[in-house]
């Protein structure tokens, strides 16, 4: 799967950490399901992200390094 790419969406926490909310495989044959979720940075700052906030998230592309990265969110 080295040619697979993930579209990542997230934000920068107030503490400065880059937090990934969604990881979506861009060339997957199956549809990706995105729902709202609560994520926490390594410092313990929690944030609830809704589907309505999707457009406000930062986005970037990453290569898939292994099969375990295929889940959405961290």
C-alpha atoms as a PDB file:
ATOM      1  CA  UNK A   1       0.000   0.000   0.000  1.00  0.00           C
ATOM      2  CA  UNK A   2       2.950   2.350  -0.336  1.00  0.00           C
ATOM      3  CA  UNK A   3       1.152   4.229  -3.137  1.00  0.00           C
ATOM      4  CA  UNK A   4      -1.854   5.009  -0.927  1.00  0.00           C
ATOM      5  CA  UNK A   5      -2.396   8.510   0.390  1.00  0.00           C
ATOM      6  CA  UNK A   6      -4.286   9.765   3.427  1.00  0.00           C
ATOM      7  CA  UNK A   7      -6.100  13.087   3.546  1.00  0.00           C
ATOM      8  CA  UNK A   8      -5.679  14.257   7.134  1.00  0.00           C
ATOM      9  CA  UNK A   9      -7.816  16.894   8.811  1.00  0.00           C
ATOM     10  CA  UNK A  10      -7.132  18.455  12.177  1.00  0.00           C
ATOM     11  CA  UNK A  11      -6.164  21.542  14.101  1.00  0.00           C
ATOM     12  CA  UNK A  12      -3.426  23.049  16.230  1.00  0.00           C
ATOM     13  CA  UNK A  13      -4.276  22.834  19.932  1.00  0.00           C
ATOM     14  CA  UNK A  14      -3.863  25.877  22.179  1.00  0.00           C
ATOM     15  CA  UNK A  15      -0.762  24.156  23.593  1.00  0.00           C
ATOM     16  CA  UNK A  16       0.764  24.107  20.079  1.00  0.00           C
ATOM     17  CA  UNK A  17       0.360  20.410  19.256  1.00  0.00           C
ATOM     18  CA  UNK A  18      -0.913  19.425  15.803  1.00  0.00           C
ATOM     19  CA  UNK A  19      -3.920  17.122  16.401  1.00  0.00           C
ATOM     20  CA  UNK A  20      -5.321  14.826  13.702  1.00  0.00           C
ATOM     21  CA  UNK A  21      -9.096  14.430  13.841  1.00  0.00           C
ATOM     22  CA  UNK A  22      -9.711  12.460  10.628  1.00  0.00           C
ATOM     23  CA  UNK A  23      -7.544  10.322   8.353  1.00  0.00           C
ATOM     24  CA  UNK A  24      -9.275   9.406   5.099  1.00  0.00           C
ATOM     25  CA  UNK A  25      -7.794   7.066   2.510  1.00  0.00           C
ATOM     26  CA  UNK A  26      -8.153   8.976  -0.762  1.00  0.00           C
ATOM     27  CA  UNK A  27      -7.977   6.087  -3.223  1.00  0.00           C
ATOM     28  CA  UNK A  28     -10.085   3.556  -1.278  1.00  0.00           C
ATOM     29  CA  UNK A  29     -12.778   1.663  -3.156  1.00  0.00           C
ATOM     30  CA  UNK A  30     -15.136   1.794  -0.165  1.00  0.00           C
ATOM     31  CA  UNK A  31     -16.796   4.971   1.037  1.00  0.00           C
ATOM     32  CA  UNK A  32     -15.212   6.686   4.037  1.00  0.00           C
ATOM     33  CA  UNK A  33     -17.612   7.391   6.890  1.00  0.00           C
ATOM     34  CA  UNK A  34     -17.015  10.620   8.797  1.00  0.00           C
ATOM     35  CA  UNK A  35     -18.830  11.365  12.039  1.00  0.00           C
ATOM     36  CA  UNK A  36     -18.274  13.898  14.781  1.00  0.00           C
ATOM     37  CA  UNK A  37     -15.844  12.881  17.497  1.00  0.00           C
ATOM     38  CA  UNK A  38     -13.947  14.068  20.528  1.00  0.00           C
ATOM     39  CA  UNK A  39     -10.147  14.036  20.325  1.00  0.00           C
ATOM     40  CA  UNK A  40      -7.471  14.781  22.910  1.00  0.00           C
ATOM     41  CA  UNK A  41      -3.955  16.114  22.445  1.00  0.00           C
ATOM     42  CA  UNK A  42      -1.015  14.523  24.277  1.00  0.00           C
ATOM     43  CA  UNK A  43      -1.328  17.182  26.990  1.00  0.00           C
ATOM     44  CA  UNK A  44      -4.907  16.069  27.703  1.00  0.00           C
ATOM     45  CA  UNK A  45      -6.802  18.977  26.131  1.00  0.00           C
ATOM     46  CA  UNK A  46     -10.063  17.538  24.761  1.00  0.00           C
ATOM     47  CA  UNK A  47     -12.036  19.025  21.885  1.00  0.00           C
ATOM     48  CA  UNK A  48     -15.332  17.893  20.377  1.00  0.00           C
ATOM     49  CA  UNK A  49     -15.375  18.250  16.587  1.00  0.00           C
ATOM     50  CA  UNK A  50     -18.678  18.154  14.716  1.00  0.00           C
ATOM     51  CA  UNK A  51     -19.349  17.570  11.034  1.00  0.00           C
ATOM     52  CA  UNK A  52     -20.361  21.230  10.774  1.00  0.00           C
ATOM     53  CA  UNK A  53     -16.781  22.198  11.758  1.00  0.00           C
ATOM     54  CA  UNK A  54     -15.201  20.066   9.033  1.00  0.00           C
ATOM     55  CA  UNK A  55     -14.570  23.049   6.738  1.00  0.00           C
ATOM     56  CA  UNK A  56     -12.689  24.908   9.495  1.00  0.00           C
ATOM     57  CA  UNK A  57     -10.115  22.154  10.042  1.00  0.00           C
ATOM     58  CA  UNK A  58      -6.609  22.315   8.592  1.00  0.00           C
ATOM     59  CA  UNK A  59      -5.813  19.630   6.026  1.00  0.00           C
ATOM     60  CA  UNK A  60      -2.675  17.903   4.780  1.00  0.00           C
ATOM     61  CA  UNK A  61      -1.657  14.731   2.940  1.00  0.00           C
ATOM     62  CA  UNK A  62       0.359  11.833   4.368  1.00  0.00           C
ATOM     63  CA  UNK A  63       1.518   8.553   2.894  1.00  0.00           C
ATOM     64  CA  UNK A  64       0.279   5.359   4.522  1.00  0.00           C
ATOM     65  CA  UNK A  65       3.160   3.698   6.332  1.00  0.00           C
ATOM     66  CA  UNK A  66       1.307   0.615   7.570  1.00  0.00           C
ATOM     67  CA  UNK A  67      -2.161  -0.975   7.665  1.00  0.00           C
ATOM     68  CA  UNK A  68      -2.883   0.312  11.210  1.00  0.00           C
ATOM     69  CA  UNK A  69      -3.029   3.924   9.971  1.00  0.00           C
ATOM     70  CA  UNK A  70      -6.158   3.258   7.907  1.00  0.00           C
ATOM     71  CA  UNK A  71      -8.523   4.102  10.768  1.00  0.00           C
ATOM     72  CA  UNK A  72     -10.067   7.544  10.892  1.00  0.00           C
ATOM     73  CA  UNK A  73      -8.943   9.756  13.708  1.00  0.00           C
ATOM     74  CA  UNK A  74      -6.287   9.400  16.339  1.00  0.00           C
END
